[in-house]
């Protein structure tokens, strides 16, 4: 179907047909630190995380994924800043780590399948570190920033952007081209 540029923009804004045009998954799970941020954190004198830097283009991409009918949630091992950011952006947040048990993100898959009514092959995950490898090996689509370690790059589609520099927007552009 040939469309002029204006019709294409209107279609993208309304979400019509976007899934048909390229988004191969129904649920997008995002790690936060090292994906939406550079992985750097600012601490106060008591060693509490007080600030992280996010790229606003990623929040635009999240809205566009949602308009296209893709559910989006966060799965992070760090609730500091991340949980309140998720709440303010109306995105489901799942905490994957306790100090005793460590992080095993793949254990969340049955919960995601049930809650979002998807199969594991309909799930995409964007991660950047060793603790993401387990879940990335199980989902249908695994992506990572280009500055991720080799153990993550070897099992992922590597996005042409570093962490914190618009990873989610880069993914959106890639799957809707």
Protein backbone atom coordinates (compact mmCIF):
# COMPACT_ATOMS: atom_id res chain seq x y z
CA UNK A 1 0.00 0.00 0.00
CA UNK A 2 1.47 3.36 -1.01
CA UNK A 3 0.89 6.22 1.38
CA UNK A 4 2.08 9.75 1.30
CA UNK A 5 4.16 11.03 4.22
CA UNK A 6 1.23 12.76 5.94
CA UNK A 7 -0.95 9.61 5.85
CA UNK A 8 1.95 7.60 7.25
CA UNK A 9 2.36 10.04 10.18
CA UNK A 10 -1.39 9.99 10.90
CA UNK A 11 -1.38 6.20 10.87
CA UNK A 12 1.57 6.14 13.26
CA UNK A 13 -0.12 8.62 15.58
CA UNK A 14 -3.35 6.60 15.72
CA UNK A 15 -1.63 3.22 16.03
CA UNK A 16 -3.67 1.77 13.13
CA UNK A 17 -1.93 -1.02 11.27
CA UNK A 18 1.42 -0.56 13.06
CA UNK A 19 1.47 -4.16 14.27
CA UNK A 20 0.93 -5.32 10.71
CA UNK A 21 3.70 -3.03 9.50
CA UNK A 22 6.40 -4.53 11.66
CA UNK A 23 6.09 -4.98 15.43
CA UNK A 24 6.60 -8.72 15.86
CA UNK A 25 5.77 -8.92 19.59
CA UNK A 26 2.82 -8.21 21.89
CA UNK A 27 4.66 -7.49 25.16
CA UNK A 28 7.82 -5.43 25.57
CA UNK A 29 9.69 -5.92 28.84
CA UNK A 30 12.36 -3.34 29.59
CA UNK A 31 15.23 -3.48 32.02
CA UNK A 32 15.85 0.08 33.15
CA UNK A 33 19.41 0.63 34.39
CA UNK A 34 21.83 0.22 31.50
CA UNK A 35 19.02 0.36 28.93
CA UNK A 36 16.99 3.51 29.57
CA UNK A 37 19.83 5.00 31.62
CA UNK A 38 23.57 4.83 31.07
CA UNK A 39 23.77 2.66 34.17
CA UNK A 40 25.22 5.52 36.19
CA UNK A 41 23.62 6.56 39.48
CA UNK A 42 23.95 9.54 41.78
CA UNK A 43 24.22 8.77 45.50
CA UNK A 44 23.80 10.92 48.59
CA UNK A 45 26.21 10.83 51.55
CA UNK A 46 24.30 7.88 53.03
CA UNK A 47 24.77 5.79 49.86
CA UNK A 48 21.13 6.15 48.77
CA UNK A 49 20.42 6.45 45.06
CA UNK A 50 18.95 9.91 44.56
CA UNK A 51 19.01 10.47 40.81
CA UNK A 52 19.28 8.79 37.41
CA UNK A 53 19.23 10.32 33.95
CA UNK A 54 16.65 9.09 31.41
CA UNK A 55 16.23 9.91 27.73
CA UNK A 56 12.76 11.38 27.06
CA UNK A 57 12.68 9.89 23.55
CA UNK A 58 12.34 6.49 25.22
CA UNK A 59 9.14 7.60 26.95
CA UNK A 60 7.79 8.78 23.60
CA UNK A 61 8.63 5.37 22.14
CA UNK A 62 6.85 3.63 25.02
CA UNK A 63 3.72 5.69 24.30
CA UNK A 64 3.98 4.79 20.61
CA UNK A 65 4.37 1.08 21.38
CA UNK A 66 1.26 1.28 23.58
CA UNK A 67 -0.69 3.13 20.86
CA UNK A 68 0.27 0.29 18.51
CA UNK A 69 -1.26 -2.24 20.90
CA UNK A 70 1.96 -3.48 22.51
CA UNK A 71 1.92 -3.82 26.29
CA UNK A 72 5.02 -2.43 28.00
CA UNK A 73 6.38 -3.12 31.48
CA UNK A 74 9.59 -2.64 33.44
CA UNK A 75 11.52 -5.48 35.11
CA UNK A 76 14.32 -4.09 37.25
CA UNK A 77 16.49 -5.14 40.13
CA UNK A 78 16.50 -1.59 41.53
CA UNK A 79 13.36 0.06 42.88
CA UNK A 80 15.18 3.28 43.82
CA UNK A 81 13.95 5.99 41.44
CA UNK A 82 12.79 3.35 38.91
CA UNK A 83 9.56 2.39 40.66
CA UNK A 84 8.36 5.97 41.12
CA UNK A 85 9.35 6.80 37.54
CA UNK A 86 7.30 3.83 36.28
CA UNK A 87 4.30 4.89 38.34
CA UNK A 88 4.48 8.47 37.06
CA UNK A 89 4.64 7.15 33.47
CA UNK A 90 1.79 4.65 33.99
CA UNK A 91 3.98 1.63 33.19
CA UNK A 92 3.79 -1.60 35.22
CA UNK A 93 6.88 -2.15 37.38
CA UNK A 94 8.20 -5.51 38.59
CA UNK A 95 11.07 -5.75 41.08
CA UNK A 96 13.28 -8.70 40.22
CA UNK A 97 15.75 -8.69 43.07
CA UNK A 98 15.82 -9.20 46.77
CA UNK A 99 19.01 -8.90 48.75
CA UNK A 100 18.75 -12.51 49.87
CA UNK A 101 17.78 -14.28 46.65
CA UNK A 102 19.53 -12.22 43.99
CA UNK A 103 18.01 -11.74 40.55
CA UNK A 104 16.28 -14.41 38.47
CA UNK A 105 14.21 -12.51 35.94
CA UNK A 106 13.10 -15.53 33.92
CA UNK A 107 10.96 -16.67 36.87
CA UNK A 108 8.60 -13.79 36.00
CA UNK A 109 7.71 -15.23 32.58
CA UNK A 110 4.68 -17.30 33.71
CA UNK A 111 3.31 -14.23 35.50
CA UNK A 112 3.79 -12.08 32.39
CA UNK A 113 2.21 -14.71 30.13
CA UNK A 114 -0.84 -14.88 32.37
CA UNK A 115 -1.22 -11.17 33.16
CA UNK A 116 -0.71 -9.93 29.59
CA UNK A 117 -2.29 -12.96 27.90
CA UNK A 118 0.73 -13.68 25.67
CA UNK A 119 2.96 -16.63 24.88
CA UNK A 120 6.67 -16.51 25.56
CA UNK A 121 7.31 -16.22 21.80
CA UNK A 122 5.24 -13.00 21.74
CA UNK A 123 7.50 -11.33 24.30
CA UNK A 124 10.43 -9.00 23.59
CA UNK A 125 13.00 -8.14 26.25
CA UNK A 126 15.59 -5.36 26.22
CA UNK A 127 18.45 -5.91 28.64
CA UNK A 128 22.09 -5.08 29.04
CA UNK A 129 23.78 -7.25 31.64
CA UNK A 130 24.53 -10.72 32.97
CA UNK A 131 21.33 -10.79 35.05
CA UNK A 132 19.26 -10.40 31.87
CA UNK A 133 20.73 -13.40 30.03
CA UNK A 134 18.35 -16.01 31.51
CA UNK A 135 15.16 -14.25 30.44
CA UNK A 136 16.68 -13.19 27.12
CA UNK A 137 17.33 -16.85 26.29
CA UNK A 138 13.64 -17.70 26.83
CA UNK A 139 11.68 -14.89 25.11
CA UNK A 140 10.86 -14.64 21.43
CA UNK A 141 12.89 -11.46 20.87
CA UNK A 142 15.96 -10.23 22.76
CA UNK A 143 17.57 -6.83 22.19
CA UNK A 144 20.42 -4.92 23.82
CA UNK A 145 22.30 -1.62 23.59
CA UNK A 146 25.56 -1.75 21.65
CA UNK A 147 27.69 -1.15 24.76
CA UNK A 148 26.40 -4.31 26.47
CA UNK A 149 28.89 -7.02 27.47
CA UNK A 150 29.66 -9.87 25.07
CA UNK A 151 27.54 -12.41 27.01
CA UNK A 152 24.45 -10.29 26.21
CA UNK A 153 25.39 -9.36 22.65
CA UNK A 154 25.90 -13.01 21.74
CA UNK A 155 22.22 -13.82 22.40
CA UNK A 156 20.58 -10.56 21.28
CA UNK A 157 19.85 -8.30 18.39
CA UNK A 158 22.27 -5.48 19.10
CA UNK A 159 20.72 -2.04 18.68
CA UNK A 160 22.90 0.67 17.18
CA UNK A 161 22.79 2.91 20.25
CA UNK A 162 24.48 3.02 23.64
CA UNK A 163 22.56 2.68 26.89
CA UNK A 164 20.73 5.83 27.96
CA UNK A 165 20.77 7.36 24.48
CA UNK A 166 17.34 6.40 23.19
CA UNK A 167 17.45 2.59 23.18
CA UNK A 168 13.65 2.18 23.22
CA UNK A 169 13.17 4.74 20.44
CA UNK A 170 15.83 2.99 18.37
CA UNK A 171 13.97 -0.30 18.85
CA UNK A 172 10.66 1.31 17.87
CA UNK A 173 12.18 2.77 14.72
CA UNK A 174 13.78 -0.57 13.83
CA UNK A 175 10.62 -2.69 14.19
CA UNK A 176 8.33 -0.20 12.43
CA UNK A 177 10.54 0.50 9.40
